[in-house]
């Protein structure tokens, strides 16, 4: 069990009470194979129980390996399936009330819209609760840095929900690269078919009736206030900067993770973007600053590392566009996923390494013409566990504590997930800066349409100050990240 003071207190009270009434604690082996004593189970609270939150809940519960003590969701319509599955779990709409009342919670999962990840997670960490947080870790760069530092300060067992990081595909790519199979890499292509939700659209002005059982004030949380609209909730929040992080934020932690991990990349030093537009009848681009663009292309530059002595330029493309087919890859082969909708291409001196979403289906195409495939099947061993056992491994690490080997072996603890998230959100900073504009002599100019230079340690664009407004958000009163 973790070193959380509440765990120690609960354990002391339990043992004292049993001894006082003449009952001894029964050894595990006496209870039979497969039995897990209640004292060995984590008490986990679920924050965000619809959609992805539901599968996270089921995976940390893991057929009774953990107790689901509380379920918190601002929309009880979305959470109804979770409530039905765990009828004994205490129900909340406000995570702050849940954390105040449920003092015996050991850990929480956070599977809410991006804009609330940081405030919920940080509040739990300050109370010594271990945390599993969906990707992207946070809504902005500043928040990612805060959570990374807080994990060390409070000695919290952490994991971000990019489950492909725990799969065999990524591990195989690491082994291939470390053995020198493709040599140094200087160019990476990453792409996705997202968004599959509305982007590049006008902000809604109508005010439909609020849904029953929805606490809209808590849903908006730290973001700038807007009235409820179905273009925000559920799911479509991803396409609005106030709440989501667009296509890059949604898929970057899955697709950029393999090259970032394989090459040992750090903070980027440069970033630039170009953004697709929707045009009016007079060919003037419609500019909706509240909405993420319908498509974008971003290039991040990373300096050489111990693992990869070459500077790397990583190109990200979304909106259904993808890179052109490299000559080394046969024309009838898909790129990345089977339908080429999402994928990664790493260009090396000796060949090309590719994979699909979550690091699946890794391949190497060597300059010699040889093709290398992994020596395992996608559905064997730990890959057959739900989401590669990504959540289950976090639960086991929580039981052993912050200093344990199990925690150190987690693939997306915040010491890794934080810098990865910052690098991905650098792309969003450039995307949002691209359409910053000034009106001079009745004409708009776009001063942000240039390469931006990044000081990663200090979280600062050094050659275009207006871009720094996107490093950190303005928090609504009562929701500050303290």
Protein backbone atom coordinates (compact mmCIF):
# COMPACT_ATOMS: atom_id res chain seq x y z
CA UNK A 1 0.00 0.00 0.00
CA UNK A 2 1.13 3.55 -0.58
CA UNK A 3 2.86 5.80 1.95
CA UNK A 4 -0.18 8.09 2.03
CA UNK A 5 -0.82 9.18 5.66
CA UNK A 6 -4.52 8.32 5.28
CA UNK A 7 -3.53 4.74 4.32
CA UNK A 8 -1.38 4.37 7.42
CA UNK A 9 -4.11 5.76 9.65
CA UNK A 10 -6.74 3.46 8.14
CA UNK A 11 -4.45 0.44 8.52
CA UNK A 12 -3.75 1.32 12.18
CA UNK A 13 -7.44 1.76 13.00
CA UNK A 14 -8.37 -1.49 11.26
CA UNK A 15 -5.73 -3.56 13.06
CA UNK A 16 -6.49 -1.97 16.42
CA UNK A 17 -10.21 -2.62 16.08
CA UNK A 18 -9.71 -6.27 15.10
CA UNK A 19 -7.31 -6.91 17.98
CA UNK A 20 -9.62 -5.28 20.52
CA UNK A 21 -12.45 -7.70 19.71
CA UNK A 22 -10.23 -10.76 19.61
CA UNK A 23 -10.03 -11.24 15.84
CA UNK A 24 -6.73 -11.90 14.12
CA UNK A 25 -5.86 -10.93 10.57
CA UNK A 26 -6.02 -14.09 8.48
CA UNK A 27 -3.10 -14.79 6.12
CA UNK A 28 -3.94 -14.50 2.44
CA UNK A 29 -3.10 -18.13 1.59
CA UNK A 30 -5.68 -19.41 4.08
CA UNK A 31 -8.48 -17.67 2.14
CA UNK A 32 -7.79 -19.60 -1.05
CA UNK A 33 -6.18 -18.97 -4.42
CA UNK A 34 -7.24 -15.76 -6.11
CA UNK A 35 -8.66 -14.16 -2.96
CA UNK A 36 -7.50 -10.61 -2.34
CA UNK A 37 -7.91 -9.36 1.23
CA UNK A 38 -9.73 -6.01 1.39
CA UNK A 39 -6.63 -4.51 3.03
CA UNK A 40 -4.69 -5.21 -0.21
CA UNK A 41 -7.12 -3.33 -2.43
CA UNK A 42 -6.88 0.30 -3.38
CA UNK A 43 -9.87 2.54 -2.77
CA UNK A 44 -10.19 4.40 -6.06
CA UNK A 45 -12.39 7.37 -6.92
CA UNK A 46 -13.46 7.95 -10.51
CA UNK A 47 -13.67 11.54 -11.79
CA UNK A 48 -15.34 11.55 -15.18
CA UNK A 49 -17.24 8.29 -15.70
CA UNK A 50 -18.70 8.56 -19.21
CA UNK A 51 -16.99 7.53 -22.43
CA UNK A 52 -13.27 6.98 -21.86
CA UNK A 53 -13.81 7.44 -18.14
CA UNK A 54 -15.96 4.33 -18.05
CA UNK A 55 -13.28 2.11 -19.60
CA UNK A 56 -10.64 3.61 -17.29
CA UNK A 57 -12.88 2.75 -14.35
CA UNK A 58 -13.39 -0.84 -15.51
CA UNK A 59 -9.67 -1.29 -16.11
CA UNK A 60 -8.56 -0.03 -12.69
CA UNK A 61 -11.28 -2.09 -11.02
CA UNK A 62 -9.94 -5.11 -12.96
CA UNK A 63 -12.55 -7.68 -11.93
CA UNK A 64 -12.42 -6.77 -8.27
CA UNK A 65 -8.71 -6.11 -7.88
CA UNK A 66 -9.60 -2.61 -6.60
CA UNK A 67 -12.52 -0.98 -4.82
CA UNK A 68 -14.44 1.71 -6.70
CA UNK A 69 -15.32 3.86 -3.70
CA UNK A 70 -16.75 6.97 -5.36
CA UNK A 71 -17.85 8.16 -8.79
CA UNK A 72 -17.83 11.87 -9.58
CA UNK A 73 -19.28 13.31 -12.78
CA UNK A 74 -20.87 16.68 -13.47
CA UNK A 75 -23.31 14.96 -15.86
CA UNK A 76 -25.16 12.11 -14.20
CA UNK A 77 -26.74 11.21 -17.53
CA UNK A 78 -23.31 10.35 -18.91
CA UNK A 79 -22.38 8.55 -15.68
CA UNK A 80 -25.53 6.40 -15.45
CA UNK A 81 -23.82 3.28 -16.81
CA UNK A 82 -21.07 3.63 -14.22
CA UNK A 83 -23.61 4.16 -11.43
CA UNK A 84 -25.45 1.00 -12.48
CA UNK A 85 -22.24 -1.05 -12.56
CA UNK A 86 -21.10 0.15 -9.12
CA UNK A 87 -24.32 0.91 -7.20
CA UNK A 88 -22.50 1.05 -3.85
CA UNK A 89 -20.03 3.73 -4.94
CA UNK A 90 -20.81 7.13 -3.45
CA UNK A 91 -21.94 9.65 -6.07
CA UNK A 92 -20.73 13.22 -6.49
CA UNK A 93 -20.93 16.05 -8.99
CA UNK A 94 -18.17 18.18 -7.44
CA UNK A 95 -14.72 16.63 -7.09
CA UNK A 96 -13.85 19.10 -4.33
CA UNK A 97 -16.67 17.81 -2.18
CA UNK A 98 -15.67 14.25 -2.95
CA UNK A 99 -12.05 14.83 -1.90
CA UNK A 100 -13.21 16.54 1.28
CA UNK A 101 -15.64 13.78 2.31
CA UNK A 102 -13.89 10.62 1.06
CA UNK A 103 -10.78 10.72 3.22
CA UNK A 104 -10.09 6.99 2.72
CA UNK A 105 -9.50 7.32 -1.02
CA UNK A 106 -6.04 6.07 -2.06
CA UNK A 107 -6.10 7.13 -5.70
CA UNK A 108 -8.23 8.75 -8.39
CA UNK A 109 -8.65 8.55 -12.14
CA UNK A 110 -9.26 11.80 -14.04
CA UNK A 111 -11.04 11.27 -17.38
CA UNK A 112 -12.69 14.66 -17.84
CA UNK A 113 -12.39 17.23 -20.67
CA UNK A 114 -8.86 18.58 -21.05
CA UNK A 115 -9.49 21.95 -19.39
CA UNK A 116 -10.23 20.40 -15.97
CA UNK A 117 -7.41 17.84 -15.81
CA UNK A 118 -4.94 20.06 -13.97
CA UNK A 119 -7.18 21.54 -11.26
CA UNK A 120 -8.63 18.15 -10.32
CA UNK A 121 -5.31 16.32 -10.43
CA UNK A 122 -3.40 18.94 -8.48
CA UNK A 123 -6.03 19.05 -5.73
CA UNK A 124 -5.82 15.27 -5.35
CA UNK A 125 -2.02 15.26 -5.34
CA UNK A 126 -1.93 17.86 -2.58
CA UNK A 127 -3.92 15.39 -0.46
CA UNK A 128 -1.51 12.55 -1.19
CA UNK A 129 -3.75 10.71 -3.66
CA UNK A 130 -2.15 8.80 -6.51
CA UNK A 131 -3.44 9.86 -9.93
CA UNK A 132 -4.18 8.36 -13.34
CA UNK A 133 -4.97 11.13 -15.85
CA UNK A 134 -6.22 10.85 -19.40
CA UNK A 135 -4.20 12.34 -22.24
CA UNK A 136 -3.23 15.01 -22.88
CA UNK A 137 -2.03 15.45 -19.34
CA UNK A 138 -3.14 19.09 -19.27
CA UNK A 139 -4.76 21.86 -21.29
CA UNK A 140 -1.63 24.05 -21.47
CA UNK A 141 2.13 23.96 -21.03
CA UNK A 142 2.20 25.69 -17.64
CA UNK A 143 -0.18 23.15 -16.15
CA UNK A 144 1.94 20.25 -17.38
CA UNK A 145 5.00 21.71 -15.66
CA UNK A 146 3.04 22.24 -12.43
CA UNK A 147 1.83 18.62 -12.32
CA UNK A 148 5.28 17.24 -13.16
CA UNK A 149 6.80 19.16 -10.25
CA UNK A 150 3.93 18.29 -7.91
CA UNK A 151 4.37 14.55 -8.50
CA UNK A 152 7.93 14.81 -7.19
CA UNK A 153 7.03 17.17 -4.36
CA UNK A 154 4.18 15.06 -2.98
CA UNK A 155 5.71 11.69 -3.97
CA UNK A 156 2.68 10.61 -5.97
CA UNK A 157 2.42 7.52 -8.20
CA UNK A 158 1.31 8.87 -11.59
CA UNK A 159 0.34 7.67 -15.03
CA UNK A 160 -1.03 9.40 -18.13
CA UNK A 161 -3.55 7.55 -20.29
CA UNK A 162 -1.54 7.00 -23.49
CA UNK A 163 -1.92 3.25 -23.22
CA UNK A 164 0.16 2.42 -26.28
CA UNK A 165 3.23 3.32 -24.23
CA UNK A 166 2.77 0.05 -22.31
CA UNK A 167 2.41 -2.08 -25.43
CA UNK A 168 4.91 -4.35 -27.11
CA UNK A 169 4.99 -2.28 -30.28
CA UNK A 170 6.75 0.67 -28.68
CA UNK A 171 9.09 -1.62 -26.76
CA UNK A 172 10.02 -3.38 -30.00
CA UNK A 173 10.77 -0.04 -31.67
CA UNK A 174 13.05 0.90 -28.78
CA UNK A 175 14.93 -2.40 -29.08
CA UNK A 176 15.28 -2.02 -32.84
CA UNK A 177 16.57 1.51 -32.57
CA UNK A 178 18.94 0.78 -29.66
CA UNK A 179 20.50 -2.02 -31.70
CA UNK A 180 21.38 0.51 -34.43
CA UNK A 181 19.10 -1.07 -37.04
CA UNK A 182 18.09 2.21 -38.74
CA UNK A 183 20.96 4.42 -37.51
CA UNK A 184 20.53 8.07 -36.58
CA UNK A 185 17.18 9.73 -37.28
CA UNK A 186 16.80 13.32 -38.47
CA UNK A 187 13.23 13.43 -39.73
CA UNK A 188 9.92 12.13 -38.36
CA UNK A 189 6.45 12.30 -39.92
CA UNK A 190 3.37 11.94 -37.71
CA UNK A 191 -0.23 12.32 -38.89
CA UNK A 192 -3.87 11.71 -37.97
CA UNK A 193 -7.30 11.75 -39.57
CA UNK A 194 -8.63 13.79 -36.61
CA UNK A 195 -10.62 15.92 -36.09
CA UNK A 196 -13.73 13.77 -36.30
CA UNK A 197 -15.71 16.47 -34.49
CA UNK A 198 -16.54 20.04 -35.59
CA UNK A 199 -13.64 22.49 -35.86
CA UNK A 200 -13.16 25.81 -37.61
CA UNK A 201 -16.73 26.90 -36.89
CA UNK A 202 -18.50 29.92 -35.43
CA UNK A 203 -19.14 30.17 -31.71
CA UNK A 204 -22.78 29.24 -31.04
CA UNK A 205 -25.06 32.05 -29.84
CA UNK A 206 -28.31 30.19 -29.17
CA UNK A 207 -29.14 29.15 -25.61
CA UNK A 208 -30.84 25.76 -25.51
CA UNK A 209 -32.32 24.43 -22.30
CA UNK A 210 -29.80 22.97 -19.87
CA UNK A 211 -29.85 19.19 -19.58
CA UNK A 212 -31.26 17.68 -16.41
CA UNK A 213 -28.68 16.29 -14.01
CA UNK A 214 -25.90 18.44 -15.53
CA UNK A 215 -23.93 20.84 -13.31
CA UNK A 216 -22.83 23.25 -16.03
CA UNK A 217 -20.90 25.59 -13.74
CA UNK A 218 -18.69 22.71 -12.63
CA UNK A 219 -18.37 21.48 -16.22
CA UNK A 220 -17.03 24.90 -17.32
CA UNK A 221 -14.75 24.88 -14.27
CA UNK A 222 -11.59 27.00 -14.75
CA UNK A 223 -12.42 27.98 -18.34
CA UNK A 224 -13.95 31.25 -19.49
CA UNK A 225 -17.70 31.12 -18.92
CA UNK A 226 -19.99 30.19 -21.82
CA UNK A 227 -23.61 29.07 -21.77
CA UNK A 228 -24.40 25.41 -22.28
CA UNK A 229 -24.61 24.23 -25.87
CA UNK A 230 -24.54 20.73 -27.42
CA UNK A 231 -21.63 21.96 -29.58
CA UNK A 232 -19.59 21.80 -26.36
CA UNK A 233 -20.95 18.84 -24.43
CA UNK A 234 -20.65 15.95 -24.78
CA UNK A 235 -17.55 15.13 -26.87
CA UNK A 236 -17.52 18.15 -29.19
CA UNK A 237 -15.61 20.20 -26.58
CA UNK A 238 -12.41 18.91 -28.18
CA UNK A 239 -12.72 21.42 -31.01
CA UNK A 240 -12.85 24.54 -28.77
CA UNK A 241 -9.69 26.10 -27.33
CA UNK A 242 -11.59 27.05 -24.18
CA UNK A 243 -11.97 23.36 -23.29
CA UNK A 244 -10.02 21.11 -25.64
CA UNK A 245 -6.67 20.88 -27.40
CA UNK A 246 -7.83 19.98 -30.89
CA UNK A 247 -6.59 17.13 -33.05
CA UNK A 248 -2.98 17.51 -31.91
CA UNK A 249 -3.89 17.37 -28.23
CA UNK A 250 -6.21 14.42 -28.77
CA UNK A 251 -3.88 12.15 -30.75
CA UNK A 252 -0.41 13.61 -30.19
CA UNK A 253 0.17 11.69 -26.96
CA UNK A 254 -0.58 8.44 -28.80
CA UNK A 255 1.28 9.12 -32.04
CA UNK A 256 4.20 11.30 -30.97
CA UNK A 257 4.99 9.06 -28.01
CA UNK A 258 6.89 6.38 -30.02
CA UNK A 259 9.44 8.75 -31.66
CA UNK A 260 9.70 10.89 -28.51
CA UNK A 261 10.45 7.81 -26.41
CA UNK A 262 12.59 5.93 -28.93
CA UNK A 263 14.85 8.92 -29.64
CA UNK A 264 14.95 10.22 -26.05
CA UNK A 265 13.73 13.66 -27.12
CA UNK A 266 13.52 16.64 -24.75
CA UNK A 267 11.83 20.05 -25.05
CA UNK A 268 11.66 21.35 -28.63
CA UNK A 269 13.64 24.48 -29.47
CA UNK A 270 11.65 25.72 -32.48
CA UNK A 271 8.10 25.40 -33.77
CA UNK A 272 6.11 26.70 -36.70
CA UNK A 273 2.65 25.93 -38.04
CA UNK A 274 0.38 26.49 -40.98
CA UNK A 275 -3.37 26.24 -40.61
CA UNK A 276 -6.18 25.30 -42.97
CA UNK A 277 -8.98 27.85 -43.39
CA UNK A 278 -12.60 27.93 -44.41
CA UNK A 279 -13.16 30.75 -46.91
CA UNK A 280 -16.10 33.10 -47.40
CA UNK A 281 -17.61 33.89 -50.80
CA UNK A 282 -15.15 36.77 -51.34
CA UNK A 283 -12.21 34.42 -50.59
CA UNK A 284 -11.53 35.99 -47.24
CA UNK A 285 -10.51 33.32 -44.71
CA UNK A 286 -13.02 32.95 -41.91
CA UNK A 287 -11.20 33.32 -38.62
CA UNK A 288 -12.83 31.89 -35.50
CA UNK A 289 -10.29 32.25 -32.69
CA UNK A 290 -12.39 30.24 -30.24
CA UNK A 291 -12.48 27.17 -32.51
CA UNK A 292 -9.55 24.90 -33.37
CA UNK A 293 -8.76 24.90 -37.11
CA UNK A 294 -10.14 22.25 -39.50
CA UNK A 295 -6.60 21.14 -40.36
CA UNK A 296 -3.05 22.08 -39.48
CA UNK A 297 0.57 21.24 -40.13
CA UNK A 298 3.27 21.79 -37.52
CA UNK A 299 7.01 21.27 -37.40
CA UNK A 300 8.90 20.86 -34.12
CA UNK A 301 12.68 20.91 -33.96
CA UNK A 302 14.49 18.86 -31.30
CA UNK A 303 18.18 19.04 -30.50
CA UNK A 304 20.41 15.97 -30.55
CA UNK A 305 20.24 13.66 -27.54
CA UNK A 306 22.44 10.93 -26.08
CA UNK A 307 20.32 8.36 -27.87
CA UNK A 308 20.11 10.22 -31.18
CA UNK A 309 23.12 12.41 -32.12
CA UNK A 310 21.21 14.17 -34.93
CA UNK A 311 18.88 17.14 -34.75
CA UNK A 312 15.33 15.97 -35.43
CA UNK A 313 12.57 17.77 -37.29
CA UNK A 314 9.18 16.28 -36.48
CA UNK A 315 6.31 17.12 -38.83
CA UNK A 316 2.75 16.79 -37.55
CA UNK A 317 -0.25 16.82 -39.91
CA UNK A 318 -3.95 16.55 -39.07
CA UNK A 319 -7.29 17.04 -40.78
CA UNK A 320 -6.97 13.91 -42.91
CA UNK A 321 -3.77 14.91 -44.70
CA UNK A 322 -0.76 12.61 -44.57
CA UNK A 323 2.86 12.60 -45.75
CA UNK A 324 3.82 11.27 -49.16
CA UNK A 325 4.82 7.65 -49.58
CA UNK A 326 8.59 7.10 -49.06
CA UNK A 327 10.37 5.26 -51.86
CA UNK A 328 11.60 2.55 -49.48
CA UNK A 329 8.04 1.49 -48.64
CA UNK A 330 6.32 -0.53 -51.39
CA UNK A 331 3.50 1.37 -53.04
CA UNK A 332 0.86 -1.19 -52.03
CA UNK A 333 1.81 -1.06 -48.33
CA UNK A 334 -0.25 1.10 -45.99
CA UNK A 335 1.51 3.80 -43.97
CA UNK A 336 1.04 3.42 -40.21
CA UNK A 337 -2.43 2.03 -39.60
CA UNK A 338 -3.91 -0.39 -42.12
CA UNK A 339 -5.92 2.40 -43.75
CA UNK A 340 -3.04 4.94 -43.53
CA UNK A 341 -5.33 7.27 -41.53
CA UNK A 342 -2.87 7.64 -38.64
CA UNK A 343 0.77 6.80 -38.31
CA UNK A 344 4.44 7.48 -37.66
CA UNK A 345 7.44 7.36 -40.03
CA UNK A 346 10.97 7.71 -38.65
CA UNK A 347 13.63 8.35 -41.29
CA UNK A 348 17.00 6.82 -40.40
CA UNK A 349 20.40 6.53 -42.08
CA UNK A 350 19.93 2.82 -42.76
CA UNK A 351 16.18 2.62 -43.21
CA UNK A 352 12.70 3.68 -42.14
CA UNK A 353 10.82 2.61 -39.01
CA UNK A 354 7.03 2.94 -38.97
CA UNK A 355 4.10 2.21 -36.72
CA UNK A 356 0.40 2.90 -36.39
CA UNK A 357 -1.65 4.33 -33.54
CA UNK A 358 -0.53 3.23 -30.04
CA UNK A 359 2.74 1.94 -31.55
CA UNK A 360 0.92 -0.94 -33.20
CA UNK A 361 2.18 -2.82 -36.23
CA UNK A 362 5.84 -1.65 -36.11
CA UNK A 363 7.93 -2.30 -39.21
CA UNK A 364 11.36 -1.49 -40.57
CA UNK A 365 12.14 -0.99 -44.25
CA UNK A 366 15.92 -1.18 -44.69
CA UNK A 367 17.90 0.48 -47.48
CA UNK A 368 18.86 -3.05 -48.56
CA UNK A 369 15.21 -3.80 -49.35
CA UNK A 370 14.75 -6.10 -46.34
CA UNK A 371 11.58 -5.68 -44.25
CA UNK A 372 11.67 -6.41 -40.51
CA UNK A 373 8.55 -7.36 -38.56
CA UNK A 374 8.17 -7.96 -34.81
CA UNK A 375 8.47 -11.54 -33.56
CA UNK A 376 5.20 -11.47 -31.64
CA UNK A 377 1.50 -11.37 -32.42
CA UNK A 378 -0.46 -8.26 -31.46
CA UNK A 379 -2.87 -10.21 -29.23
CA UNK A 380 -0.39 -12.23 -27.16
CA UNK A 381 0.75 -11.85 -23.56
CA UNK A 382 0.30 -8.40 -22.03
CA UNK A 383 -1.06 -6.99 -25.29
CA UNK A 384 -4.14 -9.13 -24.62
CA UNK A 385 -4.76 -7.23 -21.38
CA UNK A 386 -7.16 -4.28 -21.60
CA UNK A 387 -5.14 -1.37 -23.01
CA UNK A 388 -1.85 -3.26 -22.52
CA UNK A 389 -2.38 -3.35 -18.75
CA UNK A 390 -1.64 0.38 -18.64
CA UNK A 391 -4.10 1.06 -15.81
CA UNK A 392 -3.47 -2.24 -14.00
CA UNK A 393 0.26 -1.52 -13.80
CA UNK A 394 -0.51 1.87 -12.26
CA UNK A 395 -2.71 0.20 -9.62
CA UNK A 396 0.09 -2.23 -8.73
CA UNK A 397 2.58 0.64 -8.47
CA UNK A 398 0.22 2.57 -6.19
CA UNK A 399 0.19 -0.37 -3.80
CA UNK A 400 3.99 -0.47 -3.67
CA UNK A 401 4.46 3.31 -3.40
CA UNK A 402 6.33 6.18 -5.01
CA UNK A 403 9.85 4.82 -4.46
CA UNK A 404 9.04 1.34 -5.73
CA UNK A 405 10.47 -0.28 -8.84
CA UNK A 406 6.94 -0.72 -10.15
CA UNK A 407 6.44 3.04 -10.16
CA UNK A 408 9.83 3.61 -11.78
CA UNK A 409 8.88 1.13 -14.51
CA UNK A 410 5.60 2.86 -15.43
CA UNK A 411 5.78 4.08 -19.00
CA UNK A 412 3.93 7.39 -18.59
CA UNK A 413 4.57 8.64 -15.08
CA UNK A 414 4.55 12.44 -15.03
CA UNK A 415 8.34 12.78 -15.20
CA UNK A 416 7.97 11.51 -18.77
CA UNK A 417 4.36 12.44 -19.59
CA UNK A 418 4.81 16.06 -18.50
CA UNK A 419 7.64 16.95 -20.95
CA UNK A 420 5.90 14.94 -23.70
CA UNK A 421 2.69 16.89 -23.15
CA UNK A 422 4.57 20.20 -23.10
CA UNK A 423 6.19 19.35 -26.43
CA UNK A 424 2.84 18.47 -28.01
CA UNK A 425 1.14 21.58 -26.67
CA UNK A 426 3.99 23.66 -28.14
CA UNK A 427 2.40 22.79 -31.47
CA UNK A 428 -0.91 24.22 -30.28
CA UNK A 429 0.83 27.40 -29.17
CA UNK A 430 2.11 27.85 -32.75
CA UNK A 431 -1.28 26.95 -34.25
CA UNK A 432 -3.04 29.57 -32.13
CA UNK A 433 -0.34 32.15 -32.82
CA UNK A 434 -0.66 31.60 -36.57
CA UNK A 435 -3.96 33.45 -36.76
CA UNK A 436 -3.07 36.28 -34.42
CA UNK A 437 -3.62 39.38 -36.53
CA UNK A 438 -3.32 43.14 -36.53
CA UNK A 439 -5.20 45.62 -38.71
CA UNK A 440 -2.94 48.17 -40.43
CA UNK A 441 -4.27 50.53 -43.12
CA UNK A 442 -7.49 48.51 -43.39
CA UNK A 443 -5.56 45.31 -44.02
CA UNK A 444 -4.89 42.44 -41.66
CA UNK A 445 -1.34 41.22 -41.13
CA UNK A 446 -0.42 38.00 -39.32
CA UNK A 447 2.74 38.57 -37.26
CA UNK A 448 2.56 35.08 -35.73
CA UNK A 449 3.10 33.32 -39.04
CA UNK A 450 6.77 32.61 -38.55
CA UNK A 451 9.13 30.21 -36.83
CA UNK A 452 8.85 30.57 -33.05
CA UNK A 453 11.90 30.05 -30.85
CA UNK A 454 11.26 28.26 -27.56
CA UNK A 455 13.12 28.38 -24.25
CA UNK A 456 11.80 25.15 -22.77
CA UNK A 457 13.28 25.52 -19.29
CA UNK A 458 11.64 28.91 -18.82
CA UNK A 459 8.49 28.16 -20.88
CA UNK A 460 8.93 31.21 -23.05
CA UNK A 461 8.80 32.15 -26.75
CA UNK A 462 11.80 34.42 -27.19
CA UNK A 463 11.06 36.05 -30.56
CA UNK A 464 7.32 36.77 -30.49
CA UNK A 465 5.93 37.86 -27.12
CA UNK A 466 2.21 37.68 -28.04
CA UNK A 467 2.53 33.89 -28.42
CA UNK A 468 3.31 33.54 -24.71
CA UNK A 469 -0.33 34.23 -23.85
CA UNK A 470 -0.99 30.59 -24.80
CA UNK A 471 1.54 29.13 -22.34
CA UNK A 472 -0.91 29.59 -19.49
CA UNK A 473 -4.62 30.32 -19.31
CA UNK A 474 -6.57 32.87 -17.28
CA UNK A 475 -8.51 30.93 -14.65
CA UNK A 476 -12.08 31.70 -13.76
CA UNK A 477 -12.57 32.97 -10.21
CA UNK A 478 -12.70 30.11 -7.73
CA UNK A 479 -10.90 27.65 -10.00
CA UNK A 480 -7.28 28.73 -9.87
CA UNK A 481 -4.50 26.16 -9.93
CA UNK A 482 -3.16 26.65 -6.40
